[in-house]
Amino acid sequence: MGKRKRYSAELQQELVRLVRGGGSPEQLAREFEPSAQAIRNWVRQADLDEGTRTDGLKTEEREELARLRRENARLKEEREILSKAAAWFAQETEKKSKRSSSS
């Protein structure tokens, strides 16, 4: 699967403006490089961000969700590491107490 090409915010905004001005995503896709579906997605996201649609997340909310998911994954990893460290220390403490009680 190939990497997605990133388009500048300026190009995205301009294509959204052109669609709102009456241009079709298909016609704009032929004229510019992004696919018609990408253009439709940008128009949808702009509508969400502006509050004219409510059937999805605003860009700000998407960014927060991504940040929280990354943070959650990091916290899960840290918890797993601490859990393993605690088990290891408990095992070492048990070994030491058995050695000292058998003396």
N, C-alpha and C. Protein backbone atom coordinates (compact mmCIF):
# COMPACT_ATOMS: atom_id res chain seq x y z
N MET A 1 0.85 -1.18 0.00
CA MET A 1 0.00 0.00 0.00
C MET A 1 0.89 1.23 0.00
N GLY A 2 0.66 2.16 -0.90
CA GLY A 2 1.48 3.35 -1.03
C GLY A 2 1.17 4.39 0.03
N LYS A 3 2.14 5.28 0.18
CA LYS A 3 1.94 6.37 1.14
C LYS A 3 0.98 7.40 0.55
N ARG A 4 0.17 7.99 1.41
CA ARG A 4 -0.72 9.05 0.98
C ARG A 4 0.06 10.33 0.78
N LYS A 5 -0.28 11.04 -0.27
CA LYS A 5 0.38 12.31 -0.52
C LYS A 5 -0.30 13.38 0.33
N ARG A 6 0.49 14.23 0.95
CA ARG A 6 -0.04 15.33 1.76
C ARG A 6 -0.16 16.57 0.88
N TYR A 7 -1.29 17.21 0.98
CA TYR A 7 -1.52 18.44 0.24
C TYR A 7 -1.55 19.60 1.22
N SER A 8 -1.10 20.74 0.76
CA SER A 8 -1.04 21.91 1.64
C SER A 8 -2.44 22.33 2.08
N ALA A 9 -2.49 22.95 3.24
CA ALA A 9 -3.76 23.46 3.76
C ALA A 9 -4.34 24.49 2.80
N GLU A 10 -3.44 25.26 2.17
CA GLU A 10 -3.90 26.29 1.23
C GLU A 10 -4.62 25.67 0.04
N LEU A 11 -4.04 24.59 -0.52
CA LEU A 11 -4.68 23.92 -1.66
C LEU A 11 -6.02 23.33 -1.22
N GLN A 12 -6.04 22.70 -0.07
CA GLN A 12 -7.29 22.12 0.43
C GLN A 12 -8.36 23.20 0.58
N GLN A 13 -8.00 24.32 1.18
CA GLN A 13 -8.96 25.41 1.38
C GLN A 13 -9.45 25.97 0.04
N GLU A 14 -8.54 26.10 -0.90
CA GLU A 14 -8.91 26.63 -2.22
C GLU A 14 -9.87 25.68 -2.93
N LEU A 15 -9.62 24.38 -2.86
CA LEU A 15 -10.50 23.41 -3.51
C LEU A 15 -11.87 23.39 -2.83
N VAL A 16 -11.90 23.52 -1.51
CA VAL A 16 -13.18 23.59 -0.79
C VAL A 16 -13.95 24.82 -1.27
N ARG A 17 -13.25 25.94 -1.39
CA ARG A 17 -13.89 27.18 -1.86
C ARG A 17 -14.46 26.99 -3.27
N LEU A 18 -13.69 26.32 -4.14
CA LEU A 18 -14.15 26.10 -5.52
C LEU A 18 -15.37 25.19 -5.57
N VAL A 19 -15.40 24.15 -4.70
CA VAL A 19 -16.57 23.27 -4.66
C VAL A 19 -17.78 24.06 -4.19
N ARG A 20 -17.59 24.86 -3.17
CA ARG A 20 -18.71 25.67 -2.65
C ARG A 20 -19.17 26.71 -3.67
N GLY A 21 -18.27 27.07 -4.57
CA GLY A 21 -18.61 28.02 -5.63
C GLY A 21 -19.27 27.37 -6.82
N GLY A 22 -19.48 26.07 -6.76
CA GLY A 22 -20.20 25.38 -7.84
C GLY A 22 -19.38 24.36 -8.61
N GLY A 23 -18.08 24.27 -8.34
CA GLY A 23 -17.26 23.27 -9.03
C GLY A 23 -17.53 21.88 -8.50
N SER A 24 -17.44 20.89 -9.36
CA SER A 24 -17.65 19.51 -8.90
C SER A 24 -16.30 18.91 -8.49
N PRO A 25 -16.30 18.07 -7.47
CA PRO A 25 -15.06 17.42 -7.06
C PRO A 25 -14.40 16.64 -8.20
N GLU A 26 -15.22 16.03 -9.07
CA GLU A 26 -14.68 15.26 -10.19
C GLU A 26 -13.94 16.16 -11.17
N GLN A 27 -14.54 17.29 -11.48
CA GLN A 27 -13.92 18.23 -12.42
C GLN A 27 -12.63 18.79 -11.81
N LEU A 28 -12.67 19.14 -10.54
CA LEU A 28 -11.48 19.69 -9.86
C LEU A 28 -10.38 18.64 -9.74
N ALA A 29 -10.77 17.39 -9.58
CA ALA A 29 -9.78 16.31 -9.48
C ALA A 29 -9.04 16.14 -10.80
N ARG A 30 -9.74 16.36 -11.91
CA ARG A 30 -9.07 16.27 -13.21
C ARG A 30 -8.12 17.44 -13.40
N GLU A 31 -8.51 18.61 -12.91
CA GLU A 31 -7.71 19.81 -13.08
C GLU A 31 -6.53 19.87 -12.12
N PHE A 32 -6.76 19.44 -10.91
CA PHE A 32 -5.71 19.43 -9.88
C PHE A 32 -5.39 17.97 -9.58
N GLU A 33 -4.47 17.71 -8.69
CA GLU A 33 -4.03 16.34 -8.47
C GLU A 33 -4.87 15.51 -7.49
N PRO A 34 -5.41 16.07 -6.43
CA PRO A 34 -6.13 15.22 -5.46
C PRO A 34 -7.33 14.52 -6.08
N SER A 35 -7.69 13.38 -5.51
CA SER A 35 -8.84 12.63 -6.02
C SER A 35 -10.13 13.36 -5.66
N ALA A 36 -11.19 13.02 -6.38
CA ALA A 36 -12.50 13.61 -6.10
C ALA A 36 -12.93 13.26 -4.68
N GLN A 37 -12.63 12.04 -4.24
CA GLN A 37 -13.02 11.63 -2.88
C GLN A 37 -12.26 12.45 -1.84
N ALA A 38 -10.99 12.71 -2.07
CA ALA A 38 -10.21 13.54 -1.13
C ALA A 38 -10.83 14.93 -1.04
N ILE A 39 -11.22 15.48 -2.16
CA ILE A 39 -11.84 16.81 -2.18
C ILE A 39 -13.16 16.79 -1.43
N ARG A 40 -13.98 15.75 -1.67
CA ARG A 40 -15.24 15.63 -0.93
C ARG A 40 -14.98 15.52 0.57
N ASN A 41 -13.94 14.78 0.95
CA ASN A 41 -13.59 14.65 2.37
C ASN A 41 -13.22 16.01 2.97
N TRP A 42 -12.46 16.81 2.22
CA TRP A 42 -12.05 18.13 2.71
C TRP A 42 -13.26 19.05 2.88
N VAL A 43 -14.19 18.98 1.94
CA VAL A 43 -15.40 19.80 2.05
C VAL A 43 -16.19 19.36 3.29
N ARG A 44 -16.33 18.06 3.48
CA ARG A 44 -17.05 17.54 4.65
C ARG A 44 -16.38 18.01 5.93
N GLN A 45 -15.05 17.91 6.00
CA GLN A 45 -14.33 18.32 7.21
C GLN A 45 -14.48 19.82 7.45
N ALA A 46 -14.43 20.61 6.39
CA ALA A 46 -14.62 22.06 6.53
C ALA A 46 -16.02 22.36 7.06
N ASP A 47 -17.02 21.62 6.58
CA ASP A 47 -18.39 21.80 7.08
C ASP A 47 -18.49 21.45 8.56
N LEU A 48 -17.82 20.38 8.96
CA LEU A 48 -17.81 20.00 10.37
C LEU A 48 -17.13 21.07 11.22
N ASP A 49 -15.98 21.54 10.75
CA ASP A 49 -15.23 22.55 11.51
C ASP A 49 -16.02 23.85 11.66
N GLU A 50 -16.81 24.18 10.64
CA GLU A 50 -17.59 25.42 10.66
C GLU A 50 -18.93 25.24 11.36
N GLY A 51 -19.27 24.02 11.71
CA GLY A 51 -20.53 23.79 12.42
C GLY A 51 -21.75 23.64 11.54
N THR A 52 -21.56 23.58 10.23
CA THR A 52 -22.72 23.39 9.35
C THR A 52 -23.11 21.92 9.24
N ARG A 53 -22.26 21.04 9.75
CA ARG A 53 -22.56 19.61 9.86
C ARG A 53 -22.26 19.19 11.28
N THR A 54 -22.94 18.15 11.73
CA THR A 54 -22.70 17.66 13.09
C THR A 54 -22.53 16.14 13.12
N ASP A 55 -22.31 15.53 11.98
CA ASP A 55 -22.23 14.07 11.91
C ASP A 55 -20.79 13.56 11.93
N GLY A 56 -19.91 14.26 12.62
CA GLY A 56 -18.52 13.83 12.72
C GLY A 56 -17.76 14.74 13.66
N LEU A 57 -16.46 14.49 13.77
CA LEU A 57 -15.61 15.25 14.67
C LEU A 57 -14.97 16.43 13.95
N LYS A 58 -14.88 17.55 14.66
CA LYS A 58 -14.15 18.70 14.13
C LYS A 58 -12.66 18.35 14.13
N THR A 59 -11.88 19.09 13.35
CA THR A 59 -10.43 18.84 13.26
C THR A 59 -9.80 18.88 14.64
N GLU A 60 -10.18 19.87 15.44
CA GLU A 60 -9.65 20.02 16.79
C GLU A 60 -9.95 18.78 17.63
N GLU A 61 -11.14 18.25 17.50
CA GLU A 61 -11.54 17.05 18.25
C GLU A 61 -10.77 15.82 17.76
N ARG A 62 -10.55 15.73 16.46
CA ARG A 62 -9.77 14.61 15.90
C ARG A 62 -8.34 14.63 16.43
N GLU A 63 -7.76 15.83 16.48
CA GLU A 63 -6.39 15.97 16.98
C GLU A 63 -6.31 15.60 18.46
N GLU A 64 -7.31 16.02 19.24
CA GLU A 64 -7.33 15.68 20.66
C GLU A 64 -7.49 14.18 20.84
N LEU A 65 -8.36 13.57 20.06
CA LEU A 65 -8.56 12.12 20.13
C LEU A 65 -7.27 11.38 19.81
N ALA A 66 -6.57 11.80 18.78
CA ALA A 66 -5.29 11.16 18.41
C ALA A 66 -4.27 11.32 19.53
N ARG A 67 -4.20 12.52 20.12
CA ARG A 67 -3.27 12.77 21.22
C ARG A 67 -3.60 11.88 22.42
N LEU A 68 -4.88 11.78 22.75
CA LEU A 68 -5.30 10.95 23.88
C LEU A 68 -5.04 9.47 23.63
N ARG A 69 -5.21 9.03 22.41
CA ARG A 69 -4.92 7.62 22.08
C ARG A 69 -3.44 7.32 22.22
N ARG A 70 -2.59 8.27 21.76
CA ARG A 70 -1.13 8.08 21.93
C ARG A 70 -0.77 8.04 23.41
N GLU A 71 -1.35 8.96 24.17
CA GLU A 71 -1.06 9.02 25.61
C GLU A 71 -1.53 7.75 26.30
N ASN A 72 -2.70 7.26 25.93
CA ASN A 72 -3.23 6.03 26.51
C ASN A 72 -2.32 4.84 26.21
N ALA A 73 -1.84 4.75 24.99
CA ALA A 73 -0.93 3.66 24.62
C ALA A 73 0.36 3.73 25.43
N ARG A 74 0.89 4.96 25.60
CA ARG A 74 2.12 5.14 26.38
C ARG A 74 1.88 4.74 27.83
N LEU A 75 0.76 5.14 28.40
CA LEU A 75 0.45 4.80 29.79
C LEU A 75 0.27 3.29 29.98
N LYS A 76 -0.35 2.63 29.00
CA LYS A 76 -0.49 1.17 29.08
C LYS A 76 0.88 0.50 29.06
N GLU A 77 1.77 1.00 28.21
CA GLU A 77 3.12 0.45 28.13
C GLU A 77 3.86 0.66 29.45
N GLU A 78 3.75 1.87 30.01
CA GLU A 78 4.41 2.15 31.28
C GLU A 78 3.86 1.27 32.39
N ARG A 79 2.54 1.07 32.41
CA ARG A 79 1.92 0.22 33.42
C ARG A 79 2.44 -1.22 33.30
N GLU A 80 2.56 -1.70 32.08
CA GLU A 80 3.07 -3.06 31.85
C GLU A 80 4.50 -3.19 32.36
N ILE A 81 5.33 -2.19 32.09
CA ILE A 81 6.72 -2.20 32.55
C ILE A 81 6.77 -2.20 34.07
N LEU A 82 5.97 -1.34 34.70
CA LEU A 82 5.95 -1.27 36.16
C LEU A 82 5.44 -2.56 36.78
N SER A 83 4.46 -3.17 36.15
CA SER A 83 3.92 -4.44 36.64
C SER A 83 4.99 -5.52 36.60
N LYS A 84 5.74 -5.58 35.51
CA LYS A 84 6.82 -6.57 35.39
C LYS A 84 7.94 -6.29 36.39
N ALA A 85 8.25 -5.00 36.58
CA ALA A 85 9.29 -4.64 37.55
C ALA A 85 8.85 -5.00 38.96
N ALA A 86 7.60 -4.75 39.30
CA ALA A 86 7.09 -5.09 40.64
C ALA A 86 7.15 -6.59 40.86
N ALA A 87 6.78 -7.37 39.85
CA ALA A 87 6.84 -8.83 39.98
C ALA A 87 8.28 -9.30 40.16
N TRP A 88 9.20 -8.69 39.42
CA TRP A 88 10.61 -9.07 39.53
C TRP A 88 11.14 -8.75 40.93
N PHE A 89 10.83 -7.54 41.43
CA PHE A 89 11.29 -7.15 42.77
C PHE A 89 10.68 -8.04 43.84
N ALA A 90 9.42 -8.42 43.69
CA ALA A 90 8.78 -9.31 44.65
C ALA A 90 9.48 -10.67 44.66
N GLN A 91 9.84 -11.14 43.49
CA GLN A 91 10.53 -12.43 43.37
C GLN A 91 11.92 -12.35 44.02
N GLU A 92 12.63 -11.25 43.78
CA GLU A 92 13.96 -11.07 44.37
C GLU A 92 13.87 -10.95 45.90
N THR A 93 12.87 -10.26 46.39
CA THR A 93 12.69 -10.10 47.83
C THR A 93 12.40 -11.45 48.46
N GLU A 94 11.59 -12.25 47.79
CA GLU A 94 11.25 -13.59 48.29
C GLU A 94 12.49 -14.47 48.34
N LYS A 95 13.34 -14.39 47.32
CA LYS A 95 14.59 -15.18 47.29
C LYS A 95 15.48 -14.78 48.45
N LYS A 96 15.59 -13.46 48.70
CA LYS A 96 16.44 -12.98 49.78
C LYS A 96 15.92 -13.39 51.13
N SER A 97 14.61 -13.35 51.31
CA SER A 97 14.03 -13.72 52.62
C SER A 97 14.19 -15.22 52.85
N LYS A 98 14.14 -16.04 51.80
CA LYS A 98 14.33 -17.50 51.97
C LYS A 98 15.78 -17.79 52.33
N ARG A 99 16.73 -17.04 51.71
CA ARG A 99 18.16 -17.22 52.02
C ARG A 99 18.45 -16.81 53.46
N SER A 100 17.89 -15.71 53.90
CA SER A 100 18.19 -15.23 55.24
C SER A 100 17.49 -16.07 56.31
N SER A 101 16.36 -16.68 56.00
CA SER A 101 15.67 -17.52 57.00
C SER A 101 16.29 -18.90 57.09
N SER A 102 17.03 -19.32 56.09
CA SER A 102 17.66 -20.65 56.13
C SER A 102 19.05 -20.59 56.74
N SER A 103 19.54 -19.42 57.14
CA SER A 103 20.88 -19.29 57.72
C SER A 103 20.91 -19.71 59.15
